[in-house]
């Protein structure tokens, strides 16, 4: 290519940039200077562990035909009334103790419990308000729809009507309004009015509407006679003079005569025109239909809702976090209630008696009591522990009688294994959190724990179970939430395509675990590469480069 051709091509490119091709040229320039977007293997931010499918519940321990006695930090055993292997009847004394716990301590615990209940009540009110909170996206759609209705209502109204011209009585208070034709004869207007001083407004208009006003005051002003030529008012010419003047004027070139002089000019009045600021004509505006006021009232109401509205995602997160806070408070209150009842019993009675008929299967020496977390005395009638939890209606069919359940004591953190003995077929009131979904029915299920567990009557325990245990969950996996974005209720990621370029990829998701992981059911695989979906360069068609998770975490710090 010779230099002349190159020069022509450069000129053409410059002209294209200066003309309609500016946007495209700038886009090309930005793309050429954009850094490749880092992409990461999906598996680096995914979980496939079976424990991700575990569900949680909680319940209170009920002893079945057994009794265990534990010592608190404020109790000291003073006497033991039974020995190991001894048969006892309900009501028999078992041990006696002294306590350092006072009634004041019990009152403090009672006050602390009431504070917890008050906080629980406040959180429940917050959750109730959130149930009725508005979604910002929904309000925006409602406002747009109302705005469209309002515009249509105004468009359907008839146009304002102006009175026909002319109108007015020529006076300053009520000037004459006439159409401005561009050729106005002031003398004709004076003659039409029959007045020597008139006020006129010239009106510009088009298609029955007036938009321009020009106010004119038109007056007759007599012209003064020349100095020294005033004619007395009582002097009149004779008939002969008038006749002679008339004859000569009619025949100024008669033979033997001289040309008659021109008659003196008559002193006719002059016209004086001044401008003034007119008042525009008000049209007859039709009354607004009631539908307009109704729509405006609705728009004001929707506008007032914005102050307590949240985005869809934000509202879901608030509901979940508030429900979890309520669940935690409920658990704390249940534990506090159990401890308070124990404290009241400890203050009021220094002797513990048998609750059932049975055999003393274990009793510690008095000198060792208080040094161990184990029960100091065990009375057995051949039973164990029962705990009732709850499961959502969608997972109920996935549980089985005999299925294993992990039971954790909130008192000491110890974990025990239990077995499901019963699954209810009628919904029960759900007081616990159990995943945060309050829109489903919950069914009770009963778990049995054998007598070897270090549990007490009334203890509050957590139940962890795998609701998907009887399904094929080998293919289930979860992706961290921050790698996913949402658009109009649909979730998507930015995925590297076969051409190496970035592209928006919509995905199918399932349940959310701990508000941190989305179950992935379609759209991507564990072997795909995706980008952190935020940033100026993260767009369709961007170049990509593979990176490790460390590169992402470093860029966030």
Protein backbone atom coordinates (compact mmCIF):
# COMPACT_ATOMS: atom_id res chain seq x y z
CA UNK A 1 0.00 0.00 0.00
CA UNK A 2 1.54 3.34 -1.06
CA UNK A 3 1.64 6.43 1.11
CA UNK A 4 -1.15 8.20 -0.79
CA UNK A 5 -3.59 5.35 -0.19
CA UNK A 6 -2.63 5.20 3.49
CA UNK A 7 -3.20 8.92 3.83
CA UNK A 8 -6.68 8.60 2.32
CA UNK A 9 -7.61 5.76 4.69
CA UNK A 10 -6.47 7.80 7.70
CA UNK A 11 -8.58 10.74 6.57
CA UNK A 12 -11.62 8.49 6.13
CA UNK A 13 -11.16 7.05 9.62
CA UNK A 14 -10.85 10.49 11.18
CA UNK A 15 -13.99 11.68 9.42
CA UNK A 16 -15.84 8.58 10.61
CA UNK A 17 -14.82 9.30 14.20
CA UNK A 18 -15.85 12.94 13.90
CA UNK A 19 -19.16 11.95 12.36
CA UNK A 20 -21.58 9.12 13.11
CA UNK A 21 -18.81 6.67 13.92
CA UNK A 22 -17.62 8.49 17.07
CA UNK A 23 -19.40 6.18 19.49
CA UNK A 24 -18.21 3.05 17.78
CA UNK A 25 -14.67 4.38 17.57
CA UNK A 26 -14.58 5.23 21.26
CA UNK A 27 -15.98 1.82 22.11
CA UNK A 28 -13.26 0.13 20.09
CA UNK A 29 -10.69 2.30 21.84
CA UNK A 30 -11.97 1.39 25.29
CA UNK A 31 -12.10 -2.29 24.42
CA UNK A 32 -8.52 -2.18 23.18
CA UNK A 33 -7.39 -0.69 26.51
CA UNK A 34 -9.52 -2.90 28.79
CA UNK A 35 -7.78 -5.43 31.02
CA UNK A 36 -8.84 -9.08 30.68
CA UNK A 37 -11.36 -10.12 33.32
CA UNK A 38 -10.17 -12.77 35.80
CA UNK A 39 -12.26 -15.95 35.77
CA UNK A 40 -12.24 -18.70 38.35
CA UNK A 41 -13.17 -22.35 38.27
CA UNK A 42 -16.65 -22.83 39.72
CA UNK A 43 -15.48 -25.66 41.96
CA UNK A 44 -13.22 -23.20 43.83
CA UNK A 45 -16.33 -21.49 45.25
CA UNK A 46 -18.66 -24.49 45.53
CA UNK A 47 -19.61 -27.03 48.18
CA UNK A 48 -20.74 -30.59 47.63
CA UNK A 49 -20.71 -31.87 51.22
CA UNK A 50 -23.72 -33.84 52.36
CA UNK A 51 -23.94 -31.69 55.48
CA UNK A 52 -25.11 -28.86 53.27
CA UNK A 53 -28.45 -30.70 53.06
CA UNK A 54 -28.88 -30.93 56.81
CA UNK A 55 -31.83 -29.25 58.50
CA UNK A 56 -32.12 -28.04 62.06
CA UNK A 57 -34.78 -28.00 64.74
CA UNK A 58 -34.88 -27.91 68.52
CA UNK A 59 -36.91 -29.23 71.40
CA UNK A 60 -37.17 -29.77 75.13
CA UNK A 61 -35.96 -32.96 76.85
CA UNK A 62 -38.55 -35.14 78.51
CA UNK A 63 -37.27 -37.93 80.74
CA UNK A 64 -39.13 -41.19 80.39
CA UNK A 65 -39.23 -43.32 83.54
CA UNK A 66 -35.90 -42.07 84.86
CA UNK A 67 -34.49 -39.28 87.04
CA UNK A 68 -31.03 -37.72 87.13
CA UNK A 69 -29.73 -35.31 89.74
CA UNK A 70 -27.01 -32.77 88.95
CA UNK A 71 -25.34 -30.28 91.23
CA UNK A 72 -24.99 -26.60 90.42
CA UNK A 73 -22.07 -24.39 91.41
CA UNK A 74 -24.11 -23.04 94.30
CA UNK A 75 -25.05 -26.41 95.82
CA UNK A 76 -23.22 -28.55 98.37
CA UNK A 77 -24.53 -32.04 99.26
CA UNK A 78 -24.97 -32.52 102.98
CA UNK A 79 -26.52 -35.99 103.06
CA UNK A 80 -27.24 -38.95 100.75
CA UNK A 81 -30.26 -41.11 101.70
CA UNK A 82 -29.87 -43.96 99.17
CA UNK A 83 -27.25 -46.39 97.88
CA UNK A 84 -26.58 -47.91 94.47
CA UNK A 85 -28.96 -50.81 93.69
CA UNK A 86 -31.57 -49.64 96.18
CA UNK A 87 -35.26 -49.74 95.17
CA UNK A 88 -37.18 -46.52 95.93
CA UNK A 89 -40.72 -45.24 95.65
CA UNK A 90 -41.86 -41.91 94.27
CA UNK A 91 -41.57 -39.32 97.05
CA UNK A 92 -38.68 -40.99 98.89
CA UNK A 93 -35.83 -38.58 99.80
CA UNK A 94 -32.69 -39.06 97.75
CA UNK A 95 -30.18 -36.36 98.77
CA UNK A 96 -30.11 -33.12 100.82
CA UNK A 97 -28.01 -30.06 100.04
CA UNK A 98 -27.15 -26.57 101.20
CA UNK A 99 -27.16 -23.66 98.78
CA UNK A 100 -25.43 -20.30 98.59
CA UNK A 101 -28.08 -19.12 96.15
CA UNK A 102 -30.30 -16.38 97.61
CA UNK A 103 -33.75 -15.15 96.76
CA UNK A 104 -32.10 -11.97 95.44
CA UNK A 105 -30.21 -14.09 92.89
CA UNK A 106 -33.48 -15.63 91.79
CA UNK A 107 -35.07 -12.20 91.44
CA UNK A 108 -32.15 -11.00 89.30
CA UNK A 109 -32.51 -14.04 87.06
CA UNK A 110 -36.24 -13.39 86.81
CA UNK A 111 -35.65 -9.74 85.78
CA UNK A 112 -33.04 -10.80 83.20
CA UNK A 113 -35.55 -13.28 81.77
CA UNK A 114 -38.22 -10.56 81.46
CA UNK A 115 -35.74 -8.36 79.56
CA UNK A 116 -35.10 -11.21 77.15
CA UNK A 117 -38.83 -11.66 76.65
CA UNK A 118 -39.22 -7.94 75.97
CA UNK A 119 -36.46 -8.08 73.36
CA UNK A 120 -38.13 -11.12 71.82
CA UNK A 121 -41.41 -9.21 71.64
CA UNK A 122 -39.67 -6.30 69.91
CA UNK A 123 -38.04 -8.58 67.36
CA UNK A 124 -41.35 -10.30 66.68
CA UNK A 125 -42.93 -6.89 66.02
CA UNK A 126 -40.10 -6.09 63.61
CA UNK A 127 -40.68 -9.37 61.77
CA UNK A 128 -44.42 -8.69 61.64
CA UNK A 129 -43.76 -5.27 60.08
CA UNK A 130 -41.37 -6.83 57.58
CA UNK A 131 -44.10 -9.25 56.52
CA UNK A 132 -46.11 -6.26 55.32
CA UNK A 133 -43.16 -4.19 54.10
CA UNK A 134 -43.28 -3.09 50.49
CA UNK A 135 -40.80 -4.06 47.80
CA UNK A 136 -39.15 -1.11 46.04
CA UNK A 137 -39.33 -2.77 42.64
CA UNK A 138 -43.08 -3.37 43.08
CA UNK A 139 -43.68 0.25 44.14
CA UNK A 140 -41.78 1.52 41.10
CA UNK A 141 -43.95 -0.62 38.83
CA UNK A 142 -47.11 0.64 40.56
CA UNK A 143 -45.96 4.27 40.24
CA UNK A 144 -45.17 3.86 36.55
CA UNK A 145 -48.58 2.31 35.92
CA UNK A 146 -50.35 5.12 37.80
CA UNK A 147 -48.33 7.75 35.93
CA UNK A 148 -49.42 6.21 32.63
CA UNK A 149 -53.05 6.22 33.79
CA UNK A 150 -52.78 9.87 34.83
CA UNK A 151 -51.30 10.91 31.49
CA UNK A 152 -54.06 9.06 29.67
CA UNK A 153 -56.74 10.69 31.85
CA UNK A 154 -55.38 14.15 31.02
CA UNK A 155 -55.14 13.23 27.34
CA UNK A 156 -58.81 12.23 27.35
CA UNK A 157 -59.92 15.60 28.75
CA UNK A 158 -61.42 18.11 26.22
CA UNK A 159 -59.28 21.11 25.28
CA UNK A 160 -59.97 24.43 27.09
CA UNK A 161 -62.38 26.66 25.11
CA UNK A 162 -61.70 30.38 24.48
CA UNK A 163 -64.54 32.87 23.94
CA UNK A 164 -65.14 34.07 20.39
CA UNK A 165 -63.74 37.43 19.28
CA UNK A 166 -64.45 40.32 19.28
CA UNK A 167 -65.39 41.07 22.86
CA UNK A 168 -65.09 44.02 25.25
CA UNK A 169 -66.52 47.56 25.41
CA UNK A 170 -63.48 49.61 24.23
CA UNK A 171 -62.77 51.00 27.70
CA UNK A 172 -59.62 50.77 29.77
CA UNK A 173 -61.41 48.56 32.28
CA UNK A 174 -62.93 46.43 29.54
CA UNK A 175 -60.80 46.76 26.39
CA UNK A 176 -61.91 45.51 23.01
CA UNK A 177 -60.27 42.18 22.07
CA UNK A 178 -60.05 41.56 18.32
CA UNK A 179 -58.20 39.10 16.15
CA UNK A 180 -54.78 40.30 15.00
CA UNK A 181 -55.06 40.04 11.22
CA UNK A 182 -51.88 42.02 10.61
CA UNK A 183 -53.83 44.87 8.84
CA UNK A 184 -55.56 46.99 11.48
CA UNK A 185 -57.15 50.37 10.56
CA UNK A 186 -57.19 52.59 13.70
CA UNK A 187 -59.62 55.09 12.12
CA UNK A 188 -62.03 52.30 11.26
CA UNK A 189 -61.85 51.06 14.84
CA UNK A 190 -62.62 54.56 16.14
CA UNK A 191 -65.56 54.85 13.77
CA UNK A 192 -66.80 51.39 14.82
CA UNK A 193 -66.60 52.30 18.48
CA UNK A 194 -68.12 55.77 18.09
CA UNK A 195 -65.58 57.02 20.63
CA UNK A 196 -62.60 59.39 20.47
CA UNK A 197 -60.49 57.31 22.86
CA UNK A 198 -60.53 53.51 22.76
CA UNK A 199 -58.56 50.58 24.19
CA UNK A 200 -57.94 47.69 21.81
CA UNK A 201 -56.14 44.36 22.31
CA UNK A 202 -54.86 42.56 19.24
CA UNK A 203 -54.94 38.81 19.84
CA UNK A 204 -52.80 36.18 18.10
CA UNK A 205 -54.44 32.81 17.92
CA UNK A 206 -54.36 29.44 16.23
CA UNK A 207 -56.75 26.51 16.20
CA UNK A 208 -59.06 28.13 18.71
CA UNK A 209 -56.33 28.98 21.23
CA UNK A 210 -54.93 32.44 22.07
CA UNK A 211 -51.28 32.99 22.85
CA UNK A 212 -50.27 36.62 21.97
CA UNK A 213 -51.71 39.94 23.21
CA UNK A 214 -50.85 43.52 22.13
CA UNK A 215 -52.64 46.40 23.88
CA UNK A 216 -53.20 49.71 21.99
CA UNK A 217 -54.81 52.94 23.17
CA UNK A 218 -56.07 54.88 20.11
CA UNK A 219 -57.08 58.54 20.59
CA UNK A 220 -58.10 61.54 18.42
CA UNK A 221 -55.93 64.62 19.04
CA UNK A 222 -57.13 67.91 17.32
CA UNK A 223 -54.40 69.79 15.38
CA UNK A 224 -53.85 73.40 16.51
CA UNK A 225 -54.47 76.30 13.85
CA UNK A 226 -51.36 78.19 12.54
CA UNK A 227 -50.40 81.31 14.53
CA UNK A 228 -52.01 84.65 13.23
CA UNK A 229 -54.59 82.89 11.09
CA UNK A 230 -57.20 82.25 13.69
CA UNK A 231 -60.64 82.88 12.32
CA UNK A 232 -63.04 84.46 14.74
CA UNK A 233 -65.73 82.13 15.65
CA UNK A 234 -68.49 84.74 14.86
CA UNK A 235 -67.16 85.65 11.39
CA UNK A 236 -68.99 84.01 8.52
CA UNK A 237 -68.49 84.65 4.78
CA UNK A 238 -71.36 86.21 2.78
CA UNK A 239 -73.34 84.18 0.34
CA UNK A 240 -71.65 85.98 -2.50
CA UNK A 241 -68.23 85.24 -1.17
CA UNK A 242 -69.13 81.60 -0.73
CA UNK A 243 -70.69 81.53 -4.19
CA UNK A 244 -67.80 83.35 -5.78
CA UNK A 245 -65.34 81.12 -4.12
CA UNK A 246 -67.32 78.14 -5.16
CA UNK A 247 -67.55 79.25 -8.79
CA UNK A 248 -63.88 80.10 -9.01
CA UNK A 249 -62.97 76.89 -7.28
CA UNK A 250 -65.13 74.96 -9.67
CA UNK A 251 -63.67 76.76 -12.74
CA UNK A 252 -60.23 78.08 -11.78
CA UNK A 253 -59.20 78.61 -15.47
CA UNK A 254 -62.19 80.72 -16.66
CA UNK A 255 -61.41 83.29 -19.37
CA UNK A 256 -60.63 86.79 -18.21
CA UNK A 257 -60.12 85.61 -14.72
CA UNK A 258 -57.14 84.70 -12.65
CA UNK A 259 -56.51 81.30 -11.20
CA UNK A 260 -58.20 80.93 -7.84
CA UNK A 261 -56.04 80.32 -4.84
CA UNK A 262 -56.10 76.89 -3.15
CA UNK A 263 -58.58 76.70 -0.29
CA UNK A 264 -57.07 76.79 3.18
CA UNK A 265 -56.57 73.24 4.62
CA UNK A 266 -59.11 72.04 7.15
CA UNK A 267 -57.58 71.37 10.64
CA UNK A 268 -58.54 67.66 10.96
CA UNK A 269 -57.64 65.78 14.22
CA UNK A 270 -54.62 63.48 14.33
CA UNK A 271 -54.47 59.93 15.77
CA UNK A 272 -52.40 59.13 18.83
CA UNK A 273 -51.51 55.48 19.57
CA UNK A 274 -50.02 54.27 22.84
CA UNK A 275 -49.35 50.74 24.15
CA UNK A 276 -50.47 49.15 27.38
CA UNK A 277 -50.15 45.71 29.00
CA UNK A 278 -53.33 43.75 28.45
CA UNK A 279 -54.70 40.93 30.57
CA UNK A 280 -54.75 37.58 28.72
CA UNK A 281 -58.09 35.98 28.08
CA UNK A 282 -58.74 33.05 30.39
CA UNK A 283 -60.17 30.00 28.63
CA UNK A 284 -63.10 28.04 29.95
CA UNK A 285 -61.20 25.05 31.43
CA UNK A 286 -63.28 21.87 31.70
CA UNK A 287 -63.63 20.39 35.16
CA UNK A 288 -61.19 17.54 35.88
CA UNK A 289 -62.88 14.15 36.05
CA UNK A 290 -62.91 12.40 39.41
CA UNK A 291 -60.56 9.71 38.09
CA UNK A 292 -57.67 12.20 38.02
CA UNK A 293 -58.05 13.05 41.72
CA UNK A 294 -58.33 9.35 42.48
CA UNK A 295 -55.13 8.51 40.59
CA UNK A 296 -53.24 11.38 42.22
CA UNK A 297 -54.33 10.18 45.66
CA UNK A 298 -53.09 6.69 44.82
CA UNK A 299 -49.75 8.11 43.66
CA UNK A 300 -49.37 10.05 46.92
CA UNK A 301 -50.09 6.87 48.88
CA UNK A 302 -47.56 4.83 46.89
CA UNK A 303 -45.00 7.61 47.33
CA UNK A 304 -45.51 7.50 51.12
CA UNK A 305 -44.69 3.78 51.11
CA UNK A 306 -41.17 4.33 49.78
CA UNK A 307 -39.84 5.39 53.20
CA UNK A 308 -40.46 1.88 54.56
CA UNK A 309 -39.71 -0.09 51.41
CA UNK A 310 -36.78 -2.40 50.67
CA UNK A 311 -35.37 -4.03 47.60
CA UNK A 312 -36.54 -7.60 47.10
CA UNK A 313 -33.18 -9.09 48.10
CA UNK A 314 -32.73 -6.74 51.05
CA UNK A 315 -36.18 -7.56 52.41
CA UNK A 316 -35.56 -11.30 52.12
CA UNK A 317 -32.28 -10.94 54.01
CA UNK A 318 -33.90 -8.82 56.74
CA UNK A 319 -36.69 -11.33 57.21
CA UNK A 320 -34.25 -14.19 57.46
CA UNK A 321 -31.88 -12.43 59.88
CA UNK A 322 -34.76 -11.25 62.07
CA UNK A 323 -36.29 -14.73 62.14
CA UNK A 324 -32.90 -16.14 63.13
CA UNK A 325 -32.55 -13.53 65.90
CA UNK A 326 -36.01 -14.52 67.17
CA UNK A 327 -35.01 -18.17 67.14
CA UNK A 328 -31.84 -17.43 69.11
CA UNK A 329 -33.79 -15.39 71.66
CA UNK A 330 -36.40 -18.12 72.00
CA UNK A 331 -33.63 -20.59 72.71
CA UNK A 332 -31.98 -18.30 75.26
CA UNK A 333 -35.33 -17.73 76.96
CA UNK A 334 -36.08 -21.45 77.16
CA UNK A 335 -32.68 -22.11 78.72
CA UNK A 336 -33.15 -19.20 81.11
CA UNK A 337 -36.59 -20.49 82.10
CA UNK A 338 -35.17 -23.94 82.87
CA UNK A 339 -32.36 -22.45 84.95
CA UNK A 340 -34.79 -20.15 86.77
CA UNK A 341 -37.06 -23.04 87.72
CA UNK A 342 -34.05 -24.98 88.99
CA UNK A 343 -32.92 -21.95 90.98
CA UNK A 344 -36.37 -21.52 92.53
CA UNK A 345 -36.46 -25.20 93.50
CA UNK A 346 -32.95 -24.93 94.91
CA UNK A 347 -33.86 -21.97 97.13
CA UNK A 348 -37.18 -23.39 98.32
CA UNK A 349 -36.22 -27.02 98.99
CA UNK A 350 -32.93 -28.46 100.22
CA UNK A 351 -34.08 -32.04 99.69
CA UNK A 352 -34.46 -33.84 96.34
CA UNK A 353 -37.07 -36.60 96.24
CA UNK A 354 -37.78 -39.45 93.83
CA UNK A 355 -40.20 -38.68 90.99
CA UNK A 356 -40.78 -42.32 90.00
CA UNK A 357 -40.56 -45.84 91.31
CA UNK A 358 -37.29 -47.48 90.33
CA UNK A 359 -33.75 -48.49 91.12
CA UNK A 360 -30.77 -46.31 92.04
CA UNK A 361 -28.42 -47.28 89.21
CA UNK A 362 -25.64 -44.82 90.04
CA UNK A 363 -24.63 -42.64 92.98
CA UNK A 364 -21.30 -40.85 93.48
CA UNK A 365 -19.48 -40.77 96.79
CA UNK A 366 -20.40 -37.60 98.65
CA UNK A 367 -16.80 -36.32 98.60
CA UNK A 368 -16.74 -36.52 94.76
CA UNK A 369 -20.05 -34.77 94.25
CA UNK A 370 -19.59 -31.38 92.67
CA UNK A 371 -16.26 -32.26 91.07
CA UNK A 372 -17.78 -33.90 88.02
CA UNK A 373 -20.23 -32.76 85.31
CA UNK A 374 -21.88 -36.18 85.48
CA UNK A 375 -25.09 -36.82 87.40
CA UNK A 376 -24.44 -37.39 91.10
CA UNK A 377 -27.40 -39.78 91.26
CA UNK A 378 -29.39 -41.75 88.69
CA UNK A 379 -32.79 -43.30 89.34
CA UNK A 380 -34.00 -45.59 86.54
CA UNK A 381 -37.29 -47.22 85.84
CA UNK A 382 -35.99 -48.56 82.51
CA UNK A 383 -36.47 -45.44 80.35
CA UNK A 384 -34.51 -42.77 78.48
CA UNK A 385 -35.06 -39.33 76.90
CA UNK A 386 -37.55 -38.08 74.33
CA UNK A 387 -37.24 -34.87 72.33
CA UNK A 388 -39.88 -33.52 69.95
CA UNK A 389 -38.70 -31.49 66.96
CA UNK A 390 -40.42 -30.25 63.79
CA UNK A 391 -39.92 -30.65 60.06
CA UNK A 392 -41.32 -28.68 57.12
CA UNK A 393 -44.07 -30.11 54.97
CA UNK A 394 -41.81 -30.42 51.90
CA UNK A 395 -39.25 -32.54 53.78
CA UNK A 396 -41.62 -34.60 55.89
CA UNK A 397 -41.83 -37.49 53.42
CA UNK A 398 -38.03 -37.71 53.36
CA UNK A 399 -37.75 -38.73 57.02
CA UNK A 400 -38.00 -42.35 58.15
CA UNK A 401 -38.74 -44.09 61.42
CA UNK A 402 -35.42 -45.34 62.81
CA UNK A 403 -33.40 -42.59 61.08
CA UNK A 404 -30.43 -41.22 63.03
CA UNK A 405 -30.52 -37.68 64.45
CA UNK A 406 -27.74 -35.70 66.13
CA UNK A 407 -28.80 -34.25 69.48
CA UNK A 408 -26.73 -31.41 70.97
CA UNK A 409 -27.24 -30.07 74.49
CA UNK A 410 -27.27 -26.30 74.63
CA UNK A 411 -26.33 -26.56 78.31
CA UNK A 412 -22.88 -28.06 77.90
CA UNK A 413 -22.43 -28.47 74.12
CA UNK A 414 -22.28 -32.29 74.32
CA UNK A 415 -23.46 -34.26 71.26
CA UNK A 416 -25.47 -37.48 71.38
CA UNK A 417 -27.08 -39.78 68.86
CA UNK A 418 -30.81 -40.27 68.79
CA UNK A 419 -33.33 -42.20 66.70
CA UNK A 420 -36.60 -41.06 65.18
CA UNK A 421 -39.42 -43.03 66.77
CA UNK A 422 -42.47 -41.15 65.48
CA UNK A 423 -43.39 -38.69 62.68
CA UNK A 424 -46.63 -36.73 63.15
CA UNK A 425 -49.30 -36.53 60.46
CA UNK A 426 -50.90 -33.29 61.68
CA UNK A 427 -49.28 -29.85 61.50
CA UNK A 428 -48.11 -28.35 64.78
CA UNK A 429 -47.29 -24.78 65.76
CA UNK A 430 -43.67 -24.00 64.91
CA UNK A 431 -41.89 -21.84 67.45
CA UNK A 432 -38.32 -22.48 66.39
CA UNK A 433 -36.46 -21.18 63.36
CA UNK A 434 -35.96 -24.42 61.38
CA UNK A 435 -34.47 -22.77 58.32
CA UNK A 436 -36.29 -19.45 58.58
CA UNK A 437 -39.23 -20.31 56.36
CA UNK A 438 -42.44 -19.34 58.14
CA UNK A 439 -44.65 -19.88 55.10
CA UNK A 440 -44.88 -23.67 55.31
CA UNK A 441 -46.58 -26.08 57.68
CA UNK A 442 -44.48 -27.91 60.23
CA UNK A 443 -44.96 -31.46 61.47
CA UNK A 444 -43.69 -32.88 64.78
CA UNK A 445 -41.29 -35.81 64.97
CA UNK A 446 -40.02 -37.55 68.11
CA UNK A 447 -36.43 -38.57 68.80
CA UNK A 448 -35.38 -41.09 71.47
CA UNK A 449 -32.00 -40.85 73.22
CA UNK A 450 -30.91 -43.63 75.55
CA UNK A 451 -30.26 -43.13 79.27
CA UNK A 452 -26.46 -42.96 78.84
CA UNK A 453 -26.72 -39.34 77.57
CA UNK A 454 -25.87 -36.64 80.08
CA UNK A 455 -29.21 -34.79 79.73
CA UNK A 456 -31.64 -33.34 82.23
CA UNK A 457 -35.39 -32.91 82.37
CA UNK A 458 -36.33 -29.65 80.64
CA UNK A 459 -32.98 -29.19 78.87
CA UNK A 460 -33.27 -27.49 75.50
CA UNK A 461 -31.40 -29.35 72.76
CA UNK A 462 -30.71 -28.92 69.07
CA UNK A 463 -31.63 -31.56 66.50
CA UNK A 464 -29.69 -31.92 63.27
CA UNK A 465 -31.04 -34.26 60.63
CA UNK A 466 -30.62 -34.93 56.94
CA UNK A 467 -33.99 -34.42 55.26
CA UNK A 468 -32.55 -35.55 51.92
CA UNK A 469 -30.95 -38.70 53.35
CA UNK A 470 -33.28 -40.97 51.40
CA UNK A 471 -32.69 -39.23 48.07
CA UNK A 472 -29.83 -39.38 45.62
CA UNK A 473 -27.96 -36.22 46.58
CA UNK A 474 -24.64 -37.07 44.96
CA UNK A 475 -25.24 -34.45 42.27
CA UNK A 476 -26.35 -31.66 44.64
CA UNK A 477 -23.89 -28.76 44.97
CA UNK A 478 -23.87 -25.17 46.13
CA UNK A 479 -22.22 -21.96 44.93
CA UNK A 480 -21.26 -19.02 47.12
CA UNK A 481 -23.80 -16.21 46.92
CA UNK A 482 -21.37 -13.38 46.11
CA UNK A 483 -20.55 -14.98 42.73
CA UNK A 484 -24.22 -14.69 41.70
CA UNK A 485 -26.23 -11.65 40.68
CA UNK A 486 -29.97 -11.17 40.23
CA UNK A 487 -31.95 -9.40 37.51
CA UNK A 488 -35.75 -9.16 37.49
CA UNK A 489 -35.98 -12.11 39.85
CA UNK A 490 -33.61 -14.29 37.80
CA UNK A 491 -30.14 -15.30 38.97
CA UNK A 492 -27.15 -15.21 36.65
CA UNK A 493 -23.35 -15.43 36.56
CA UNK A 494 -20.73 -14.18 34.10
CA UNK A 495 -19.35 -17.30 32.46
CA UNK A 496 -16.44 -17.77 30.06
CA UNK A 497 -17.71 -19.14 26.77
CA UNK A 498 -16.04 -21.51 24.33
CA UNK A 499 -14.65 -18.49 22.48
CA UNK A 500 -12.86 -17.37 25.65
CA UNK A 501 -15.07 -14.31 26.03
CA UNK A 502 -17.28 -13.42 28.96
CA UNK A 503 -21.07 -13.75 28.66
CA UNK A 504 -24.04 -13.43 31.01
CA UNK A 505 -25.36 -16.89 31.87
CA UNK A 506 -28.73 -17.34 33.61
CA UNK A 507 -28.80 -20.20 36.11
CA UNK A 508 -31.45 -22.25 37.89
CA UNK A 509 -31.13 -22.18 41.68
CA UNK A 510 -32.75 -24.02 44.56
CA UNK A 511 -32.69 -23.42 48.27
CA UNK A 512 -30.36 -21.03 50.08
CA UNK A 513 -28.16 -22.36 52.88
CA UNK A 514 -27.36 -19.91 55.74
CA UNK A 515 -27.94 -17.05 53.30
CA UNK A 516 -24.46 -17.78 51.91
CA UNK A 517 -24.85 -20.62 49.38
CA UNK A 518 -27.28 -21.15 46.49
CA UNK A 519 -28.13 -24.66 45.40
CA UNK A 520 -27.30 -24.86 41.66
CA UNK A 521 -29.71 -26.90 39.56
CA UNK A 522 -28.75 -25.83 36.06
CA UNK A 523 -26.96 -23.34 33.83
CA UNK A 524 -23.36 -24.04 34.86
CA UNK A 525 -21.22 -26.95 35.93
CA UNK A 526 -18.41 -27.36 38.44
CA UNK A 527 -15.87 -27.28 35.60
CA UNK A 528 -16.97 -23.92 34.14
CA UNK A 529 -15.09 -20.66 34.71
CA UNK A 530 -16.96 -17.63 36.02
CA UNK A 531 -16.01 -14.06 36.97
CA UNK A 532 -16.69 -12.06 40.11
CA UNK A 533 -19.85 -10.41 38.71
CA UNK A 534 -19.06 -6.79 39.65
CA UNK A 535 -16.75 -4.20 38.16
CA UNK A 536 -16.56 -1.87 35.18
CA UNK A 537 -14.86 -4.40 32.91
CA UNK A 538 -17.26 -7.28 33.67
CA UNK A 539 -19.43 -7.12 30.56
CA UNK A 540 -20.52 -9.35 27.72
CA UNK A 541 -17.71 -9.93 25.24
CA UNK A 542 -14.86 -9.09 27.62
CA UNK A 543 -11.58 -10.99 27.26
CA UNK A 544 -10.80 -13.38 30.13
CA UNK A 545 -7.80 -14.79 31.93
CA UNK A 546 -7.81 -17.70 34.39
CA UNK A 547 -6.93 -16.94 38.02
CA UNK A 548 -6.96 -18.54 41.45
CA UNK A 549 -9.27 -17.53 44.32
CA UNK A 550 -6.32 -15.81 46.04
CA UNK A 551 -6.27 -13.20 43.25
CA UNK A 552 -9.93 -12.38 43.96
CA UNK A 553 -9.50 -12.16 47.73
CA UNK A 554 -6.41 -9.96 47.36
CA UNK A 555 -8.30 -7.56 45.08
CA UNK A 556 -11.05 -7.26 47.71
CA UNK A 557 -8.63 -6.27 50.48
